Amino acid sequence: MTLWLGSMCTVVISSNEVAREMFKNHDVVLAGRKIYEAMKGDIGNEGSLITAQYGPHWRMLRRLCTAEFFVTSRLDATVDVRAKCIDQMVKYIEAAGGSGANGIDVGKFFFLLAFNLIGNLMFSKDLLDPSSERGAKFFYHAGKVMEYAGKPNIADFLPLLKWLDPQGIRRSTQYHVKRAFDIAGLYLKERIIESNGDETDHPSPEKRRRDYLDVLLHYRGESAEEPPEFSPTTINIIVFEMFTAGTDTTTSTLEWATAELLRSPKTLEKVQAELRSVISLGTKLEEKHLDNLPYLKAVVKETLRLHPPLPFLVPHMAMDSCKMLGYHIPKETQILVNVWAIGRDPKTWENPLEFKPERFLEPSTADFKGHHFEFIPFGSGRRICPAVPLASRVLPMALGSILHLFDWSLADGIKPEELDMGERMGITLRKAVPLKAIPVPLQG
C-alpha cells in the first residue's frame, strides 16, 4: 500500500511476493535509508552502518564489519568467547534463582550476555555483572532510544514543524542517545588508557586476541573514497551502534522465545528432551552440538517468525524514482517492509498465530538468511543485517543452555494461559511486560 502522511510518501510491503520483487529486482535503488527527525542530532551518523546512505562509505563500513566480525573464520576463532559469556550468564541466573516465587527478570540476563559478548568482541574484556549500575543505565537509555525513534512523529510528516519538535520526540531521543553514547564512550576511554598503560596489567594487542577496537584504531583508508583514519567520534558511533543493535535485538528474541515456551509446556518439554538426550546432564552445550538439535533451532526460527526483532526492518528509502510491479515510487519515498505481517500471513503459514516449531523441521522449510522472502526477520539484499551468521550461533546456544541446565516455571503463580504476551512497539519489538520466571538448576 502507499500512504501519504503529510509530505512523506510511504510504501508498505506486506507480502512475500512483493518483498521478493523489491529485493530481487530493485535492491540498489531502494537501498537508501530514511532518517527520521528523532535520529538527527549533534553526534551525526558518520560511522553508522545502519543509517549511512548506500554508497562507497557504507560499503567500506560493511566490508570492515563483515571481514572482522562475521566471516566464518572469525566466528570460529571466537567460539571460546561466546562460550565464556554464556557460562557467565548461566552462573548469574543460578546465583539469582534463589529469590523465591518472585522469579527473575529473564530479559536482564539475556541483556548481560549480549552486552558482555559485544564487549569481548569489541574490547576483549567483560564489561558487566548483574549489579553493574553503568550497565543498567545503558540498558535503560538504549531501550528508550529504540522506543522513541520508533514513535510516529508529526515533524517527519510536516517539515514546517521539525524545528519545533512539537511532541518532544527528537529531544527525548537525543537525550537518551547522548547518555548511552557517553556510557559506551567510557568503555572506549578506559581501553585507550589501558593500552597506553602498564602492559603487565593490560596485555598489548600483540599478546592478546585482535579485537574490533584494534581494527578501528589502526584502520587506514585504501582509496580516495575512504577516510585516511577514523576519528574518535566515528569510533564512538561505531561502538555505540554495535552495542545498541547487538544487545536490544538479541535480548528481545531470547525473551520472546522463553515466553513462548513457558506458555506452551509441551513444546518446552519437547525441546528440553531433545537437549538432554544429546547432551548429558552436567555437560555444557557446545556449538558443535547444534547440528544435532534441529528442534531447538526450529524454536528459534519460530520465535523469529512470530516476533521479528525489527517488525518493519530499518526503513529503506528510494534513492531515485522507480517503477515496481507497475507502480510509480517517487524519489525519497520511505519503504517499510512489514516482516511482522509477512511472518503471520495465512496464505503462507498454516495457523499463523500458533507457536509451532514443527513447521521448521522439514528440510525444504524457509531459513532466515534472506533468500526465502516469506521469512526475512533480518531483511534481505544489500542491507540485510550483517550479524546473521553470529545470531545463528548465539541465539540457539544461549536459549539451549538455559533450557538444558534449568527447569523453568512462571513466577507469581501465573498460569501459562495467563501470561501477558503484549508487544511494546518501537524500532524493536519488545515484550510490553518483562518476563518473570523461576529457574531450578538440574543436578548432573
Protein backbone atom coordinates (compact mmCIF):
# COMPACT_ATOMS: atom_id res chain seq x y z
CA MET A 1 0.00 0.00 0.00
CA THR A 2 1.00 3.63 -0.46
CA LEU A 3 0.38 6.15 2.31
CA TRP A 4 0.77 9.90 2.12
CA LEU A 5 1.32 11.15 5.64
CA GLY A 6 1.71 14.89 5.24
CA SER A 7 4.63 15.37 2.87
CA MET A 8 6.08 11.88 3.40
CA CYS A 9 5.26 9.19 0.89
CA THR A 10 5.45 5.72 2.44
CA VAL A 11 5.15 2.38 0.67
CA VAL A 12 4.38 -0.58 2.94
CA ILE A 13 5.31 -4.05 1.69
CA SER A 14 3.34 -6.77 3.46
CA SER A 15 3.60 -9.87 1.26
CA ASN A 16 6.43 -12.18 0.37
CA GLU A 17 5.72 -11.75 -3.38
CA VAL A 18 6.33 -8.00 -3.26
CA ALA A 19 9.29 -8.42 -0.90
CA ARG A 20 10.82 -10.78 -3.47
CA GLU A 21 10.30 -8.20 -6.23
CA MET A 22 11.87 -5.48 -4.10
CA PHE A 23 14.98 -7.36 -3.04
CA LYS A 24 15.49 -9.25 -6.30
CA ASN A 25 14.91 -6.50 -8.87
CA HIS A 26 15.01 -3.12 -7.09
CA ASP A 27 17.53 -3.71 -4.33
CA VAL A 28 20.01 -0.98 -5.33
CA VAL A 29 17.57 1.87 -5.94
CA LEU A 30 15.70 1.06 -2.70
CA ALA A 31 18.85 0.62 -0.60
CA GLY A 32 18.75 4.15 0.83
CA ARG A 33 17.91 4.96 4.43
CA LYS A 34 15.05 7.13 5.64
CA ILE A 35 16.40 9.22 8.51
CA TYR A 36 13.72 10.32 10.96
CA GLU A 37 13.88 13.64 12.82
CA ALA A 38 14.36 11.69 16.05
CA MET A 39 17.66 10.35 14.70
CA LYS A 40 19.05 13.78 13.80
CA GLY A 41 21.29 15.30 16.43
CA ASP A 42 24.67 16.80 17.21
CA ILE A 43 26.52 13.48 17.11
CA GLY A 44 25.68 12.69 13.49
CA ASN A 45 25.95 9.30 11.77
CA GLU A 46 29.36 9.35 10.09
CA GLY A 47 30.24 5.91 11.45
CA SER A 48 26.78 4.39 11.34
CA LEU A 49 26.40 1.22 9.32
CA ILE A 50 22.65 1.27 9.99
CA THR A 51 21.78 4.84 8.94
CA ALA A 52 24.50 5.68 6.39
CA GLN A 53 23.20 6.09 2.84
CA TYR A 54 24.14 3.39 0.36
CA GLY A 55 27.44 4.29 -1.33
CA PRO A 56 31.23 3.93 -1.02
CA HIS A 57 31.39 4.97 2.65
CA TRP A 58 28.68 2.50 3.64
CA ARG A 59 30.31 -0.28 1.60
CA MET A 60 33.61 0.35 3.41
CA LEU A 61 31.90 0.13 6.83
CA ARG A 62 30.03 -3.00 5.80
CA ARG A 63 33.14 -4.68 4.40
CA LEU A 64 35.15 -3.90 7.52
CA CYS A 65 32.40 -5.13 9.84
CA THR A 66 31.83 -8.35 7.89
CA ALA A 67 35.51 -9.22 7.49
CA GLU A 68 36.43 -8.61 11.12
CA PHE A 69 33.27 -9.74 12.89
CA PHE A 70 31.05 -12.10 10.92
CA VAL A 71 33.03 -14.22 8.45
CA THR A 72 33.22 -17.92 9.31
CA SER A 73 36.93 -17.82 10.13
CA ARG A 74 36.43 -15.02 12.68
CA LEU A 75 33.39 -16.72 14.17
CA ASP A 76 35.30 -19.99 14.52
CA ALA A 77 38.16 -18.13 16.20
CA THR A 78 35.84 -16.60 18.82
CA VAL A 79 33.86 -19.72 19.78
CA ASP A 80 35.52 -19.72 23.23
CA VAL A 81 34.50 -16.09 23.76
CA ARG A 82 30.84 -16.91 23.15
CA ALA A 83 31.05 -19.98 25.38
CA LYS A 84 32.58 -17.92 28.21
CA CYS A 85 29.85 -15.26 28.02
CA ILE A 86 27.09 -17.89 28.04
CA ASP A 87 28.73 -19.65 31.01
CA GLN A 88 28.74 -16.32 32.87
CA MET A 89 25.05 -15.81 32.11
CA VAL A 90 24.26 -19.29 33.47
CA LYS A 91 26.19 -18.54 36.68
CA TYR A 92 24.36 -15.24 37.13
CA ILE A 93 21.00 -16.98 36.66
CA GLU A 94 21.95 -19.70 39.12
CA ALA A 95 23.02 -17.11 41.70
CA ALA A 96 19.81 -15.11 41.28
CA GLY A 97 17.46 -18.07 41.05
CA GLY A 98 17.08 -18.50 44.80
CA SER A 99 14.93 -15.39 45.10
CA GLY A 100 11.73 -17.46 45.54
CA ALA A 101 8.35 -17.15 43.91
CA ASN A 102 9.10 -13.68 42.52
CA GLY A 103 11.46 -15.23 39.98
CA ILE A 104 14.00 -13.34 37.90
CA ASP A 105 13.72 -10.78 35.12
CA VAL A 106 14.74 -13.12 32.30
CA GLY A 107 15.46 -10.35 29.79
CA LYS A 108 18.00 -8.77 32.14
CA PHE A 109 20.22 -11.85 31.98
CA PHE A 110 19.96 -12.13 28.21
CA PHE A 111 20.99 -8.47 28.06
CA LEU A 112 24.02 -9.21 30.25
CA LEU A 113 25.01 -12.00 27.86
CA ALA A 114 24.61 -9.83 24.76
CA PHE A 115 26.39 -6.83 26.28
CA ASN A 116 29.33 -8.84 27.57
CA LEU A 117 29.63 -10.68 24.26
CA ILE A 118 29.82 -7.43 22.31
CA GLY A 119 32.25 -6.10 24.93
CA ASN A 120 34.54 -9.09 24.47
CA LEU A 121 34.41 -8.87 20.68
CA MET A 122 34.97 -5.10 20.73
CA PHE A 123 37.33 -4.66 23.70
CA SER A 124 38.47 -8.17 24.74
CA LYS A 125 37.03 -7.71 28.23
CA ASP A 126 33.95 -8.35 30.34
CA LEU A 127 32.01 -5.16 30.90
CA LEU A 128 29.07 -6.06 33.12
CA ASP A 129 27.80 -8.06 36.02
CA PRO A 130 24.20 -8.14 37.29
CA SER A 131 24.90 -5.40 39.86
CA SER A 132 26.51 -3.02 37.34
CA GLU A 133 24.92 0.42 37.64
CA ARG A 134 26.56 1.51 34.41
CA GLY A 135 25.13 -1.45 32.53
CA ALA A 136 21.63 -0.88 33.93
CA LYS A 137 21.77 2.74 32.80
CA PHE A 138 22.93 1.78 29.32
CA PHE A 139 20.16 -0.82 29.04
CA TYR A 140 17.60 1.81 30.04
CA HIS A 141 18.87 4.54 27.69
CA ALA A 142 19.35 2.18 24.73
CA GLY A 143 15.82 0.88 25.17
CA LYS A 144 14.45 4.42 25.26
CA VAL A 145 16.33 5.30 22.06
CA MET A 146 14.67 2.37 20.27
CA GLU A 147 11.28 3.28 21.74
CA TYR A 148 11.31 6.99 20.86
CA ALA A 149 12.92 6.50 17.44
CA GLY A 150 10.06 4.17 16.52
CA LYS A 151 7.23 6.50 17.61
CA PRO A 152 5.18 8.30 14.94
CA ASN A 153 6.45 11.88 14.84
CA ILE A 154 4.35 14.62 13.27
CA ALA A 155 7.56 16.54 12.49
CA ASP A 156 8.50 13.81 9.98
CA PHE A 157 5.29 14.40 8.06
CA LEU A 158 5.06 18.21 8.27
CA PRO A 159 8.55 19.66 7.72
CA LEU A 160 7.48 23.12 8.91
CA LEU A 161 7.21 21.64 12.40
CA LYS A 162 10.60 19.93 12.54
CA TRP A 163 12.26 22.89 14.26
CA LEU A 164 9.50 23.00 16.88
CA ASP A 165 9.63 19.26 17.64
CA PRO A 166 6.04 19.55 18.98
CA GLN A 167 5.95 16.07 20.57
CA GLY A 168 9.45 16.37 22.00
CA ILE A 169 10.45 13.11 20.33
CA ARG A 170 13.72 14.39 18.88
CA ARG A 171 14.71 15.99 22.20
CA SER A 172 13.87 12.83 24.13
CA THR A 173 15.63 10.52 21.68
CA GLN A 174 18.76 12.65 21.55
CA TYR A 175 18.85 12.92 25.35
CA HIS A 176 18.93 9.13 25.65
CA VAL A 177 21.34 8.79 22.69
CA LYS A 178 23.81 11.11 24.41
CA ARG A 179 23.51 9.31 27.75
CA ALA A 180 24.04 5.89 26.12
CA PHE A 181 26.78 7.34 23.89
CA ASP A 182 28.59 8.68 26.96
CA ILE A 183 28.47 5.28 28.66
CA ALA A 184 29.81 3.47 25.56
CA GLY A 185 32.47 6.18 25.31
CA LEU A 186 33.64 5.45 28.85
CA TYR A 187 34.50 1.90 27.87
CA LEU A 188 36.41 3.23 24.87
CA LYS A 189 38.36 5.72 27.01
CA GLU A 190 39.20 3.05 29.55
CA ARG A 191 40.51 0.76 26.83
CA ILE A 192 42.69 3.51 25.31
CA ILE A 193 44.11 4.34 28.76
CA GLU A 194 44.80 0.67 29.37
CA SER A 195 46.52 0.25 26.01
CA ASN A 196 48.86 3.12 26.91
CA GLY A 197 49.47 1.86 30.45
CA ASP A 198 51.33 -0.92 32.18
CA GLU A 199 51.44 -3.95 29.87
CA THR A 200 51.91 -6.29 32.85
CA ASP A 201 48.32 -5.50 33.78
CA HIS A 202 46.93 -4.85 30.31
CA PRO A 203 48.39 -7.04 27.56
CA SER A 204 49.33 -5.33 24.32
CA PRO A 205 47.44 -6.21 21.11
CA GLU A 206 50.31 -8.49 20.16
CA LYS A 207 49.80 -10.56 23.35
CA ARG A 208 46.03 -10.94 23.14
CA ARG A 209 43.41 -11.70 20.54
CA ARG A 210 42.97 -8.93 17.98
CA ASP A 211 39.60 -7.31 18.65
CA TYR A 212 37.42 -4.86 16.76
CA LEU A 213 38.77 -1.80 18.57
CA ASP A 214 42.24 -2.71 17.29
CA VAL A 215 40.75 -2.77 13.79
CA LEU A 216 39.16 0.66 14.22
CA LEU A 217 42.17 2.31 15.85
CA HIS A 218 44.58 1.01 13.21
CA TYR A 219 42.32 1.47 10.19
CA ARG A 220 43.87 3.33 7.25
CA GLY A 221 41.85 4.14 4.13
CA GLU A 222 42.90 2.41 0.95
CA SER A 223 41.38 4.81 -1.59
CA ALA A 224 40.37 8.44 -2.06
CA GLU A 225 36.77 7.49 -1.26
CA GLU A 226 37.71 6.15 2.19
CA PRO A 227 38.79 8.22 5.22
CA PRO A 228 42.53 8.15 5.97
CA GLU A 229 41.64 7.05 9.51
CA PHE A 230 38.65 7.01 11.85
CA SER A 231 38.09 10.00 14.11
CA PRO A 232 37.31 9.41 17.81
CA THR A 233 33.71 10.45 17.09
CA THR A 234 33.38 7.88 14.31
CA ILE A 235 34.81 5.13 16.53
CA ASN A 236 32.41 6.12 19.31
CA ILE A 237 29.46 5.94 16.91
CA ILE A 238 30.52 2.51 15.66
CA VAL A 239 30.96 1.24 19.23
CA PHE A 240 27.63 2.70 20.37
CA GLU A 241 25.81 1.22 17.37
CA MET A 242 27.31 -2.23 17.86
CA PHE A 243 26.15 -2.28 21.46
CA THR A 244 22.65 -0.93 20.85
CA ALA A 245 21.94 -3.04 17.77
CA GLY A 246 23.52 -6.19 19.19
CA THR A 247 22.00 -6.08 22.67
CA ASP A 248 18.41 -4.98 22.07
CA THR A 249 17.63 -7.42 19.26
CA THR A 250 19.29 -10.40 20.98
CA THR A 251 17.58 -9.66 24.29
CA SER A 252 14.12 -9.31 22.75
CA THR A 253 14.38 -12.51 20.66
CA LEU A 254 15.56 -14.68 23.55
CA GLU A 255 12.96 -13.24 25.93
CA TRP A 256 10.17 -13.91 23.41
CA ALA A 257 11.45 -17.47 22.85
CA THR A 258 11.45 -18.20 26.58
CA ALA A 259 7.99 -16.68 26.98
CA GLU A 260 6.55 -18.76 24.13
CA LEU A 261 7.99 -21.94 25.62
CA LEU A 262 6.66 -21.19 29.09
CA ARG A 263 3.26 -20.54 27.55
CA SER A 264 3.46 -23.92 25.77
CA PRO A 265 4.66 -26.52 28.32
CA LYS A 266 4.51 -29.41 25.83
CA THR A 267 6.83 -27.56 23.45
CA LEU A 268 9.16 -26.72 26.34
CA GLU A 269 9.21 -30.36 27.39
CA LYS A 270 9.98 -31.45 23.83
CA VAL A 271 12.93 -29.12 23.32
CA GLN A 272 14.36 -29.99 26.75
CA ALA A 273 14.02 -33.70 25.97
CA GLU A 274 15.99 -33.20 22.76
CA LEU A 275 18.72 -31.26 24.58
CA ARG A 276 19.03 -33.78 27.38
CA SER A 277 19.12 -36.74 25.01
CA VAL A 278 22.01 -35.21 23.03
CA ILE A 279 23.93 -33.73 25.97
CA SER A 280 24.14 -35.47 29.33
CA LEU A 281 23.25 -33.51 32.46
CA GLY A 282 26.26 -31.78 33.95
CA THR A 283 27.75 -31.33 30.48
CA LYS A 284 27.66 -27.95 28.77
CA LEU A 285 26.05 -27.31 25.43
CA GLU A 286 28.68 -26.51 22.80
CA GLU A 287 28.31 -25.10 19.30
CA LYS A 288 29.40 -28.43 17.84
CA HIS A 289 26.16 -29.92 19.24
CA LEU A 290 23.85 -27.56 17.34
CA ASP A 291 23.71 -29.70 14.19
CA ASN A 292 22.16 -32.47 16.29
CA LEU A 293 19.49 -30.18 17.79
CA PRO A 294 17.02 -29.48 14.97
CA TYR A 295 14.06 -28.83 17.29
CA LEU A 296 16.00 -26.20 19.27
CA LYS A 297 16.86 -24.40 16.03
CA ALA A 298 13.23 -24.70 14.95
CA VAL A 299 12.16 -22.98 18.20
CA VAL A 300 14.48 -20.07 17.39
CA LYS A 301 13.12 -19.79 13.85
CA GLU A 302 9.51 -19.94 15.02
CA THR A 303 10.25 -17.16 17.51
CA LEU A 304 11.75 -15.00 14.77
CA ARG A 305 8.71 -15.64 12.57
CA LEU A 306 6.22 -14.51 15.21
CA HIS A 307 8.40 -11.89 16.91
CA PRO A 308 10.90 -10.42 14.41
CA PRO A 309 13.33 -8.11 16.25
CA LEU A 310 12.61 -5.26 13.80
CA PRO A 311 8.96 -5.59 12.72
CA PHE A 312 9.40 -3.14 9.80
CA LEU A 313 13.14 -3.68 9.43
CA VAL A 314 15.13 -0.43 9.36
CA PRO A 315 13.21 1.88 6.96
CA HIS A 316 14.52 1.85 3.40
CA MET A 317 14.35 4.86 1.07
CA ALA A 318 14.12 5.16 -2.70
CA MET A 319 17.32 6.88 -3.82
CA ASP A 320 15.70 7.62 -7.17
CA SER A 321 12.27 7.28 -8.75
CA CYS A 322 11.45 3.79 -9.99
CA LYS A 323 8.60 1.52 -11.02
CA MET A 324 7.83 -1.69 -9.16
CA LEU A 325 5.11 -4.07 -10.34
CA GLY A 326 3.69 -1.25 -12.44
CA TYR A 327 3.52 1.26 -9.57
CA HIS A 328 5.49 4.51 -9.56
CA ILE A 329 7.64 5.06 -6.46
CA PRO A 330 8.87 8.68 -6.17
CA LYS A 331 12.39 9.53 -5.10
CA GLU A 332 12.85 9.69 -1.30
CA THR A 333 9.81 7.50 -0.65
CA GLN A 334 10.04 5.63 2.63
CA ILE A 335 9.83 1.84 2.20
CA LEU A 336 8.63 -0.21 5.16
CA VAL A 337 8.92 -3.99 4.85
CA ASN A 338 6.35 -5.40 7.25
CA VAL A 339 8.12 -8.63 8.17
CA TRP A 340 5.81 -8.99 11.17
CA ALA A 341 2.81 -9.31 8.80
CA ILE A 342 4.72 -11.43 6.28
CA GLY A 343 5.59 -13.92 9.02
CA ARG A 344 1.90 -14.17 10.01
CA ASP A 345 0.39 -14.31 6.53
CA PRO A 346 -2.26 -17.10 6.45
CA LYS A 347 -1.64 -17.52 2.70
CA THR A 348 1.84 -18.76 3.55
CA TRP A 349 1.65 -20.16 7.07
CA GLU A 350 -0.90 -22.65 8.38
CA ASN A 351 -2.39 -21.47 11.70
CA PRO A 352 -0.01 -18.50 11.60
CA LEU A 353 -0.67 -17.26 15.15
CA GLU A 354 0.16 -20.63 16.71
CA PHE A 355 3.67 -21.17 18.11
CA LYS A 356 4.57 -24.38 16.32
CA PRO A 357 8.31 -25.06 15.83
CA GLU A 358 7.47 -28.30 13.98
CA ARG A 359 6.74 -26.22 10.86
CA PHE A 360 10.50 -25.61 10.52
CA LEU A 361 11.58 -29.25 10.75
CA GLU A 362 11.01 -30.04 7.06
CA PRO A 363 14.26 -29.89 5.01
CA SER A 364 12.68 -27.53 2.46
CA THR A 365 11.44 -25.06 5.09
CA ALA A 366 12.47 -21.41 4.88
CA ASP A 367 15.64 -20.15 6.51
CA PHE A 368 16.30 -16.58 7.72
CA LYS A 369 19.36 -15.84 5.57
CA GLY A 370 17.48 -13.58 3.15
CA HIS A 371 16.65 -16.00 0.32
CA HIS A 372 13.17 -17.09 1.44
CA PHE A 373 11.02 -13.99 1.29
CA GLU A 374 8.21 -15.41 3.40
CA PHE A 375 10.68 -15.40 6.32
CA ILE A 376 13.06 -12.42 6.40
CA PRO A 377 13.34 -11.30 10.05
CA PHE A 378 16.84 -9.96 9.34
CA GLY A 379 15.98 -8.43 5.96
CA SER A 380 17.44 -9.33 2.59
CA GLY A 381 19.60 -7.91 -0.17
CA ARG A 382 22.46 -5.47 0.31
CA ARG A 383 21.18 -4.16 3.61
CA ILE A 384 20.47 -7.48 5.27
CA CYS A 385 21.67 -7.50 8.88
CA PRO A 386 25.38 -8.40 8.72
CA ALA A 387 25.15 -10.18 12.09
CA VAL A 388 23.03 -13.10 10.80
CA PRO A 389 25.98 -15.59 10.99
CA LEU A 390 26.64 -14.58 14.61
CA ALA A 391 22.96 -14.61 15.57
CA SER A 392 22.51 -18.09 14.11
CA ARG A 393 25.08 -19.33 16.64
CA VAL A 394 24.34 -17.17 19.69
CA LEU A 395 20.53 -17.49 19.77
CA PRO A 396 20.31 -21.32 19.91
CA MET A 397 23.37 -21.55 22.17
CA ALA A 398 22.00 -19.10 24.75
CA LEU A 399 18.47 -20.48 24.70
CA GLY A 400 19.62 -24.10 24.65
CA SER A 401 22.00 -23.57 27.58
CA ILE A 402 19.36 -22.25 29.96
CA LEU A 403 16.83 -24.89 28.89
CA HIS A 404 19.36 -27.70 29.29
CA LEU A 405 20.63 -26.69 32.72
CA PHE A 406 17.42 -25.38 34.35
CA ASP A 407 13.80 -26.29 34.67
CA TRP A 408 11.55 -23.23 34.38
CA SER A 409 8.20 -22.09 35.70
CA LEU A 410 6.35 -18.79 35.64
CA ALA A 411 6.69 -16.51 38.66
CA ASP A 412 3.95 -15.22 40.96
CA GLY A 413 1.76 -18.28 40.38
CA ILE A 414 0.86 -17.20 36.83
CA LYS A 415 -0.56 -19.98 34.68
CA PRO A 416 0.77 -20.45 31.10
CA GLU A 417 -2.52 -19.32 29.53
CA GLU A 418 -2.45 -16.14 31.68
CA LEU A 419 0.99 -14.97 30.51
CA ASP A 420 0.87 -11.44 29.08
CA MET A 421 2.20 -11.57 25.51
CA GLY A 422 1.53 -7.92 24.67
CA GLU A 423 4.05 -6.08 22.49
CA ARG A 424 5.73 -2.75 23.10
CA MET A 425 6.28 -1.08 19.76
CA GLY A 426 9.39 0.84 18.90
CA ILE A 427 12.05 0.17 16.28
CA THR A 428 12.47 -3.17 18.03
CA LEU A 429 9.63 -5.42 19.17
CA ARG A 430 9.87 -5.93 22.93
CA LYS A 431 7.55 -7.59 25.42
CA ALA A 432 5.30 -4.96 27.00
CA VAL A 433 5.58 -6.74 30.37
CA PRO A 434 9.04 -8.16 31.16
CA LEU A 435 9.10 -11.93 31.59
CA LYS A 436 9.48 -13.15 35.19
CA ALA A 437 10.33 -16.83 35.63
CA ILE A 438 11.79 -19.20 38.22
CA PRO A 439 14.87 -21.26 37.22
CA VAL A 440 15.52 -24.53 39.05
CA PRO A 441 19.04 -25.91 38.42
CA LEU A 442 19.19 -29.58 37.47
CA GLN A 443 21.64 -31.77 39.31
CA GLY A 444 24.02 -33.58 36.98
